[in-house]
Amino acid sequence: MAGTSFDTIDVGDELPTLRLTLSGEQVRHYAQTANMPGGRFMGDAEAKAEGLPGQIAPGNLSLALFSRLLTSWGEGVRIKRISATFRAIVRPGVALVLSAVVTEKHTSEDGNFLECDLVLENADGERLVTGTATVIVSG
């Protein structure tokens, strides 16, 4: 993509991917900061006591990662709406790839809008979280 100017973006354009691996400490810190008590977010032993395979990331952390993907795209990008479908557990220590594609483009008196499909998958291509977002982009 040439940039984040509305005029240079086309339907089908892909945002730059975000690749990262969450640590157990990052997940724990996020959950504590977001006031989300629950052993499943604190560590493997606590999560296993709840019947899970190990520590998991809170769902809203996945939304925060989608937000990071969208807002790091460029200056003037603002999120109007974001939603997600949680299809599988997101775990720390697993390489993650976040991607987005522009699916619709429209203008109204309220601004220039892009609709995007969002995907969070592991390195094997398993889709863990999918979503959609509406972003406002400067002209």
N, C-alpha and C. Protein backbone atom coordinates (compact mmCIF):
# COMPACT_ATOMS: atom_id res chain seq x y z
N MET A 1 0.83 -1.17 0.00
CA MET A 1 0.00 0.00 0.00
C MET A 1 0.88 1.24 0.00
N ALA A 2 0.48 2.24 -0.73
CA ALA A 2 1.26 3.46 -0.83
C ALA A 2 1.26 4.25 0.47
N GLY A 3 0.24 4.13 1.27
CA GLY A 3 0.15 4.89 2.52
C GLY A 3 -1.23 4.70 3.12
N THR A 4 -1.56 5.54 4.08
CA THR A 4 -2.86 5.41 4.70
C THR A 4 -3.80 6.54 4.31
N SER A 5 -3.52 7.21 3.21
CA SER A 5 -4.45 8.18 2.67
C SER A 5 -5.62 7.44 2.03
N PHE A 6 -6.82 7.87 2.33
CA PHE A 6 -8.02 7.20 1.82
C PHE A 6 -7.97 7.01 0.30
N ASP A 7 -7.47 8.01 -0.39
CA ASP A 7 -7.44 7.96 -1.86
C ASP A 7 -6.47 6.92 -2.41
N THR A 8 -5.48 6.50 -1.63
CA THR A 8 -4.49 5.54 -2.13
C THR A 8 -4.78 4.11 -1.69
N ILE A 9 -5.86 3.91 -0.94
CA ILE A 9 -6.22 2.58 -0.44
C ILE A 9 -7.32 1.99 -1.32
N ASP A 10 -7.18 0.73 -1.66
CA ASP A 10 -8.17 0.04 -2.48
C ASP A 10 -8.72 -1.17 -1.75
N VAL A 11 -9.94 -1.55 -2.09
CA VAL A 11 -10.51 -2.81 -1.59
C VAL A 11 -9.57 -3.93 -2.01
N GLY A 12 -9.27 -4.81 -1.08
CA GLY A 12 -8.34 -5.91 -1.34
C GLY A 12 -6.94 -5.65 -0.82
N ASP A 13 -6.64 -4.38 -0.48
CA ASP A 13 -5.32 -4.08 0.09
C ASP A 13 -5.17 -4.75 1.45
N GLU A 14 -3.97 -5.25 1.70
CA GLU A 14 -3.67 -5.87 2.98
C GLU A 14 -2.84 -4.94 3.83
N LEU A 15 -3.14 -4.89 5.12
CA LEU A 15 -2.33 -4.11 6.05
C LEU A 15 -1.04 -4.87 6.31
N PRO A 16 0.00 -4.17 6.71
CA PRO A 16 1.23 -4.88 7.10
C PRO A 16 0.93 -5.82 8.28
N THR A 17 1.42 -7.05 8.20
CA THR A 17 1.16 -8.02 9.26
C THR A 17 1.90 -7.65 10.53
N LEU A 18 1.37 -8.11 11.63
CA LEU A 18 1.99 -7.95 12.94
C LEU A 18 2.33 -9.35 13.43
N ARG A 19 3.60 -9.58 13.72
CA ARG A 19 4.06 -10.89 14.21
C ARG A 19 4.60 -10.70 15.62
N LEU A 20 4.16 -11.57 16.53
CA LEU A 20 4.63 -11.47 17.91
C LEU A 20 4.38 -12.77 18.64
N THR A 21 5.03 -12.90 19.76
CA THR A 21 4.81 -14.01 20.68
C THR A 21 4.61 -13.41 22.06
N LEU A 22 3.46 -13.66 22.64
CA LEU A 22 3.18 -13.16 23.97
C LEU A 22 3.89 -14.03 25.00
N SER A 23 4.45 -13.40 26.00
CA SER A 23 5.04 -14.17 27.11
C SER A 23 3.97 -14.37 28.18
N GLY A 24 4.20 -15.36 29.03
CA GLY A 24 3.29 -15.58 30.14
C GLY A 24 3.20 -14.37 31.04
N GLU A 25 4.32 -13.69 31.22
CA GLU A 25 4.34 -12.49 32.07
C GLU A 25 3.51 -11.37 31.44
N GLN A 26 3.58 -11.20 30.12
CA GLN A 26 2.77 -10.17 29.45
C GLN A 26 1.28 -10.46 29.63
N VAL A 27 0.89 -11.71 29.49
CA VAL A 27 -0.51 -12.08 29.66
C VAL A 27 -0.94 -11.83 31.10
N ARG A 28 -0.15 -12.25 32.06
CA ARG A 28 -0.45 -12.04 33.48
C ARG A 28 -0.59 -10.55 33.78
N HIS A 29 0.36 -9.75 33.29
CA HIS A 29 0.35 -8.30 33.53
C HIS A 29 -0.91 -7.66 32.91
N TYR A 30 -1.24 -8.05 31.70
CA TYR A 30 -2.44 -7.52 31.05
C TYR A 30 -3.68 -7.84 31.89
N ALA A 31 -3.82 -9.10 32.29
CA ALA A 31 -4.99 -9.51 33.06
C ALA A 31 -5.09 -8.75 34.37
N GLN A 32 -3.96 -8.57 35.04
CA GLN A 32 -3.97 -7.83 36.30
C GLN A 32 -4.32 -6.36 36.08
N THR A 33 -3.76 -5.76 35.04
CA THR A 33 -4.03 -4.36 34.73
C THR A 33 -5.49 -4.16 34.35
N ALA A 34 -6.06 -5.11 33.63
CA ALA A 34 -7.45 -5.03 33.19
C ALA A 34 -8.42 -5.51 34.28
N ASN A 35 -7.89 -5.80 35.47
CA ASN A 35 -8.69 -6.27 36.59
C ASN A 35 -9.51 -7.51 36.22
N MET A 36 -8.80 -8.47 35.64
CA MET A 36 -9.42 -9.72 35.22
C MET A 36 -8.87 -10.87 36.07
N PRO A 37 -9.41 -11.03 37.26
CA PRO A 37 -8.91 -12.13 38.09
C PRO A 37 -9.30 -13.46 37.46
N GLY A 38 -8.50 -14.41 37.67
CA GLY A 38 -8.79 -15.75 37.14
C GLY A 38 -7.49 -16.47 36.92
N GLY A 39 -7.40 -17.64 37.49
CA GLY A 39 -6.18 -18.42 37.40
C GLY A 39 -5.74 -18.71 35.98
N ARG A 40 -6.71 -18.85 35.09
CA ARG A 40 -6.38 -19.19 33.70
C ARG A 40 -5.48 -18.16 33.04
N PHE A 41 -5.48 -16.93 33.54
CA PHE A 41 -4.65 -15.86 32.97
C PHE A 41 -3.33 -15.69 33.71
N MET A 42 -3.19 -16.33 34.87
CA MET A 42 -2.03 -16.08 35.74
C MET A 42 -0.86 -17.03 35.49
N GLY A 43 -1.14 -18.26 35.14
CA GLY A 43 -0.06 -19.20 34.92
C GLY A 43 -0.57 -20.58 34.56
N ASP A 44 0.36 -21.45 34.16
CA ASP A 44 0.00 -22.79 33.72
C ASP A 44 -0.65 -23.62 34.82
N ALA A 45 -0.08 -23.60 36.02
CA ALA A 45 -0.62 -24.43 37.10
C ALA A 45 -2.07 -24.05 37.42
N GLU A 46 -2.32 -22.75 37.51
CA GLU A 46 -3.67 -22.28 37.82
C GLU A 46 -4.65 -22.64 36.70
N ALA A 47 -4.21 -22.48 35.46
CA ALA A 47 -5.08 -22.80 34.32
C ALA A 47 -5.38 -24.30 34.25
N LYS A 48 -4.36 -25.11 34.51
CA LYS A 48 -4.57 -26.56 34.49
C LYS A 48 -5.54 -26.99 35.60
N ALA A 49 -5.50 -26.28 36.72
CA ALA A 49 -6.45 -26.57 37.80
C ALA A 49 -7.89 -26.28 37.37
N GLU A 50 -8.05 -25.44 36.36
CA GLU A 50 -9.38 -25.13 35.81
C GLU A 50 -9.71 -26.02 34.61
N GLY A 51 -8.85 -26.99 34.31
CA GLY A 51 -9.11 -27.92 33.23
C GLY A 51 -8.61 -27.48 31.86
N LEU A 52 -7.82 -26.43 31.82
CA LEU A 52 -7.26 -25.93 30.56
C LEU A 52 -5.87 -26.53 30.33
N PRO A 53 -5.37 -26.47 29.10
CA PRO A 53 -4.05 -27.04 28.82
C PRO A 53 -2.89 -26.22 29.39
N GLY A 54 -3.18 -25.01 29.81
CA GLY A 54 -2.17 -24.11 30.36
C GLY A 54 -2.70 -22.69 30.32
N GLN A 55 -1.85 -21.75 30.68
CA GLN A 55 -2.23 -20.34 30.71
C GLN A 55 -2.79 -19.90 29.36
N ILE A 56 -3.84 -19.08 29.41
CA ILE A 56 -4.44 -18.54 28.19
C ILE A 56 -4.49 -17.02 28.25
N ALA A 57 -4.58 -16.41 27.09
CA ALA A 57 -4.71 -14.95 27.00
C ALA A 57 -6.19 -14.58 27.06
N PRO A 58 -6.53 -13.51 27.78
CA PRO A 58 -7.92 -13.04 27.79
C PRO A 58 -8.37 -12.66 26.38
N GLY A 59 -9.63 -12.86 26.09
CA GLY A 59 -10.15 -12.51 24.78
C GLY A 59 -9.96 -11.05 24.42
N ASN A 60 -10.12 -10.17 25.41
CA ASN A 60 -9.98 -8.75 25.07
C ASN A 60 -8.53 -8.37 24.81
N LEU A 61 -7.57 -9.22 25.16
CA LEU A 61 -6.19 -8.98 24.75
C LEU A 61 -6.06 -9.18 23.24
N SER A 62 -6.78 -10.14 22.70
CA SER A 62 -6.79 -10.32 21.24
C SER A 62 -7.38 -9.09 20.55
N LEU A 63 -8.44 -8.52 21.14
CA LEU A 63 -9.00 -7.27 20.59
C LEU A 63 -7.98 -6.14 20.66
N ALA A 64 -7.23 -6.09 21.75
CA ALA A 64 -6.19 -5.05 21.87
C ALA A 64 -5.12 -5.23 20.80
N LEU A 65 -4.78 -6.48 20.49
CA LEU A 65 -3.79 -6.73 19.44
C LEU A 65 -4.33 -6.31 18.07
N PHE A 66 -5.61 -6.59 17.82
CA PHE A 66 -6.23 -6.12 16.57
C PHE A 66 -6.18 -4.59 16.51
N SER A 67 -6.47 -3.94 17.62
CA SER A 67 -6.42 -2.47 17.68
C SER A 67 -5.02 -1.96 17.38
N ARG A 68 -4.03 -2.64 17.93
CA ARG A 68 -2.64 -2.26 17.66
C ARG A 68 -2.32 -2.40 16.18
N LEU A 69 -2.75 -3.50 15.57
CA LEU A 69 -2.53 -3.71 14.14
C LEU A 69 -3.12 -2.56 13.33
N LEU A 70 -4.35 -2.19 13.64
CA LEU A 70 -5.04 -1.15 12.86
C LEU A 70 -4.43 0.23 13.08
N THR A 71 -4.16 0.59 14.32
CA THR A 71 -3.68 1.95 14.60
C THR A 71 -2.21 2.13 14.25
N SER A 72 -1.46 1.06 14.14
CA SER A 72 -0.05 1.20 13.74
C SER A 72 0.09 1.31 12.23
N TRP A 73 -1.02 1.20 11.53
CA TRP A 73 -1.04 1.28 10.08
C TRP A 73 -0.55 2.64 9.61
N GLY A 74 -0.88 3.69 10.34
CA GLY A 74 -0.42 5.02 9.93
C GLY A 74 -1.12 6.13 10.68
N GLU A 75 -0.62 7.33 10.48
CA GLU A 75 -1.21 8.52 11.09
C GLU A 75 -2.64 8.70 10.59
N GLY A 76 -3.50 9.15 11.46
CA GLY A 76 -4.87 9.47 11.06
C GLY A 76 -5.82 8.30 10.99
N VAL A 77 -5.39 7.10 11.39
CA VAL A 77 -6.28 5.95 11.40
C VAL A 77 -6.92 5.86 12.79
N ARG A 78 -8.25 5.86 12.83
CA ARG A 78 -8.98 5.75 14.09
C ARG A 78 -10.00 4.62 13.97
N ILE A 79 -10.17 3.89 15.04
CA ILE A 79 -11.11 2.77 15.05
C ILE A 79 -12.49 3.29 15.45
N LYS A 80 -13.47 3.00 14.62
CA LYS A 80 -14.86 3.35 14.94
C LYS A 80 -15.58 2.16 15.57
N ARG A 81 -15.31 0.95 15.07
CA ARG A 81 -15.96 -0.27 15.55
C ARG A 81 -15.02 -1.44 15.36
N ILE A 82 -15.05 -2.36 16.32
CA ILE A 82 -14.24 -3.57 16.19
C ILE A 82 -15.00 -4.72 16.85
N SER A 83 -14.94 -5.90 16.25
CA SER A 83 -15.59 -7.08 16.84
C SER A 83 -14.73 -8.30 16.54
N ALA A 84 -14.97 -9.34 17.33
CA ALA A 84 -14.16 -10.55 17.14
C ALA A 84 -14.99 -11.79 17.44
N THR A 85 -14.59 -12.88 16.80
CA THR A 85 -15.12 -14.21 17.08
C THR A 85 -13.95 -15.05 17.56
N PHE A 86 -14.07 -15.60 18.75
CA PHE A 86 -12.98 -16.37 19.35
C PHE A 86 -13.19 -17.84 18.99
N ARG A 87 -12.28 -18.34 18.16
CA ARG A 87 -12.44 -19.70 17.61
C ARG A 87 -11.58 -20.73 18.33
N ALA A 88 -10.50 -20.29 18.94
CA ALA A 88 -9.60 -21.21 19.65
C ALA A 88 -8.84 -20.43 20.72
N ILE A 89 -8.22 -21.13 21.61
CA ILE A 89 -7.48 -20.51 22.72
C ILE A 89 -6.20 -19.86 22.20
N VAL A 90 -5.94 -18.64 22.67
CA VAL A 90 -4.67 -17.96 22.40
C VAL A 90 -3.80 -18.18 23.63
N ARG A 91 -2.61 -18.77 23.40
CA ARG A 91 -1.72 -19.10 24.51
C ARG A 91 -0.41 -18.35 24.41
N PRO A 92 0.18 -18.02 25.55
CA PRO A 92 1.52 -17.42 25.51
C PRO A 92 2.54 -18.44 25.01
N GLY A 93 3.63 -17.92 24.47
CA GLY A 93 4.70 -18.78 23.98
C GLY A 93 4.45 -19.32 22.59
N VAL A 94 3.37 -18.90 21.95
CA VAL A 94 3.03 -19.36 20.61
C VAL A 94 3.19 -18.19 19.64
N ALA A 95 3.91 -18.39 18.56
CA ALA A 95 4.08 -17.33 17.56
C ALA A 95 2.72 -17.00 16.94
N LEU A 96 2.40 -15.71 16.92
CA LEU A 96 1.12 -15.24 16.40
C LEU A 96 1.35 -14.34 15.19
N VAL A 97 0.41 -14.39 14.26
CA VAL A 97 0.44 -13.52 13.08
C VAL A 97 -0.93 -12.85 12.99
N LEU A 98 -0.94 -11.52 13.00
CA LEU A 98 -2.18 -10.76 12.84
C LEU A 98 -2.18 -10.10 11.49
N SER A 99 -3.31 -10.20 10.79
CA SER A 99 -3.41 -9.61 9.46
C SER A 99 -4.79 -9.00 9.28
N ALA A 100 -4.88 -8.14 8.26
CA ALA A 100 -6.15 -7.50 7.94
C ALA A 100 -6.18 -7.19 6.46
N VAL A 101 -7.38 -7.18 5.91
CA VAL A 101 -7.58 -6.83 4.51
C VAL A 101 -8.77 -5.88 4.42
N VAL A 102 -8.67 -4.90 3.53
CA VAL A 102 -9.74 -3.94 3.31
C VAL A 102 -10.81 -4.61 2.45
N THR A 103 -12.06 -4.63 2.95
CA THR A 103 -13.14 -5.29 2.24
C THR A 103 -14.18 -4.32 1.67
N GLU A 104 -14.16 -3.09 2.16
CA GLU A 104 -15.12 -2.10 1.69
C GLU A 104 -14.57 -0.71 1.96
N LYS A 105 -14.98 0.24 1.14
CA LYS A 105 -14.50 1.62 1.24
C LYS A 105 -15.69 2.53 0.94
N HIS A 106 -15.97 3.48 1.84
CA HIS A 106 -17.08 4.41 1.58
C HIS A 106 -16.85 5.74 2.30
N THR A 107 -17.54 6.74 1.81
CA THR A 107 -17.44 8.09 2.34
C THR A 107 -18.83 8.59 2.71
N SER A 108 -18.91 9.32 3.81
CA SER A 108 -20.15 9.98 4.20
C SER A 108 -19.78 11.34 4.77
N GLU A 109 -20.79 12.09 5.20
CA GLU A 109 -20.51 13.40 5.80
C GLU A 109 -19.71 13.27 7.09
N ASP A 110 -19.66 12.05 7.65
CA ASP A 110 -18.91 11.81 8.89
C ASP A 110 -17.46 11.43 8.65
N GLY A 111 -17.07 11.18 7.41
CA GLY A 111 -15.67 10.86 7.13
C GLY A 111 -15.49 9.78 6.10
N ASN A 112 -14.24 9.35 5.99
CA ASN A 112 -13.83 8.29 5.06
C ASN A 112 -13.68 6.99 5.85
N PHE A 113 -14.42 5.96 5.45
CA PHE A 113 -14.48 4.72 6.21
C PHE A 113 -13.96 3.54 5.42
N LEU A 114 -13.27 2.66 6.12
CA LEU A 114 -12.83 1.39 5.56
C LEU A 114 -13.36 0.28 6.44
N GLU A 115 -13.85 -0.76 5.79
CA GLU A 115 -14.23 -1.98 6.51
C GLU A 115 -13.09 -2.97 6.30
N CYS A 116 -12.70 -3.64 7.37
CA CYS A 116 -11.57 -4.58 7.30
C CYS A 116 -11.95 -5.91 7.94
N ASP A 117 -11.47 -7.00 7.34
CA ASP A 117 -11.54 -8.32 7.96
C ASP A 117 -10.22 -8.54 8.70
N LEU A 118 -10.31 -9.10 9.89
CA LEU A 118 -9.15 -9.29 10.75
C LEU A 118 -8.94 -10.77 11.04
N VAL A 119 -7.67 -11.18 11.13
CA VAL A 119 -7.36 -12.58 11.45
C VAL A 119 -6.16 -12.61 12.40
N LEU A 120 -6.29 -13.41 13.46
CA LEU A 120 -5.18 -13.72 14.35
C LEU A 120 -4.99 -15.23 14.25
N GLU A 121 -3.83 -15.64 13.79
CA GLU A 121 -3.57 -17.07 13.62
C GLU A 121 -2.21 -17.43 14.21
N ASN A 122 -2.03 -18.73 14.44
CA ASN A 122 -0.72 -19.18 14.90
C ASN A 122 0.17 -19.41 13.68
N ALA A 123 1.42 -19.76 13.93
CA ALA A 123 2.39 -19.93 12.84
C ALA A 123 2.03 -21.06 11.89
N ASP A 124 1.16 -21.98 12.34
CA ASP A 124 0.71 -23.09 11.50
C ASP A 124 -0.48 -22.69 10.63
N GLY A 125 -0.96 -21.46 10.78
CA GLY A 125 -2.08 -20.99 9.99
C GLY A 125 -3.45 -21.29 10.59
N GLU A 126 -3.49 -21.80 11.82
CA GLU A 126 -4.76 -22.04 12.49
C GLU A 126 -5.36 -20.71 12.93
N ARG A 127 -6.57 -20.43 12.49
CA ARG A 127 -7.23 -19.17 12.85
C ARG A 127 -7.77 -19.27 14.27
N LEU A 128 -7.19 -18.47 15.15
CA LEU A 128 -7.58 -18.49 16.55
C LEU A 128 -8.69 -17.48 16.82
N VAL A 129 -8.59 -16.31 16.18
CA VAL A 129 -9.57 -15.24 16.35
C VAL A 129 -9.78 -14.59 15.00
N THR A 130 -11.01 -14.33 14.65
CA THR A 130 -11.32 -13.56 13.44
C THR A 130 -12.16 -12.37 13.85
N GLY A 131 -12.20 -11.37 13.00
CA GLY A 131 -12.99 -10.21 13.35
C GLY A 131 -13.20 -9.27 12.20
N THR A 132 -13.88 -8.19 12.50
CA THR A 132 -14.09 -7.13 11.53
C THR A 132 -13.92 -5.80 12.25
N ALA A 133 -13.61 -4.78 11.46
CA ALA A 133 -13.46 -3.44 12.02
C ALA A 133 -13.86 -2.41 11.00
N THR A 134 -14.34 -1.29 11.51
CA THR A 134 -14.55 -0.10 10.70
C THR A 134 -13.54 0.93 11.19
N VAL A 135 -12.75 1.46 10.27
CA VAL A 135 -11.78 2.49 10.63
C VAL A 135 -12.05 3.75 9.83
N ILE A 136 -11.71 4.87 10.44
CA ILE A 136 -11.81 6.16 9.80
C ILE A 136 -10.40 6.55 9.38
N VAL A 137 -10.24 6.95 8.12
CA VAL A 137 -8.93 7.31 7.58
C VAL A 137 -9.01 8.72 7.01
N SER A 138 -7.97 9.51 7.28
CA SER A 138 -7.94 10.87 6.74
C SER A 138 -7.85 10.82 5.22
N GLY A 139 -8.34 11.90 4.59
CA GLY A 139 -8.42 11.99 3.14
C GLY A 139 -7.11 11.96 2.45
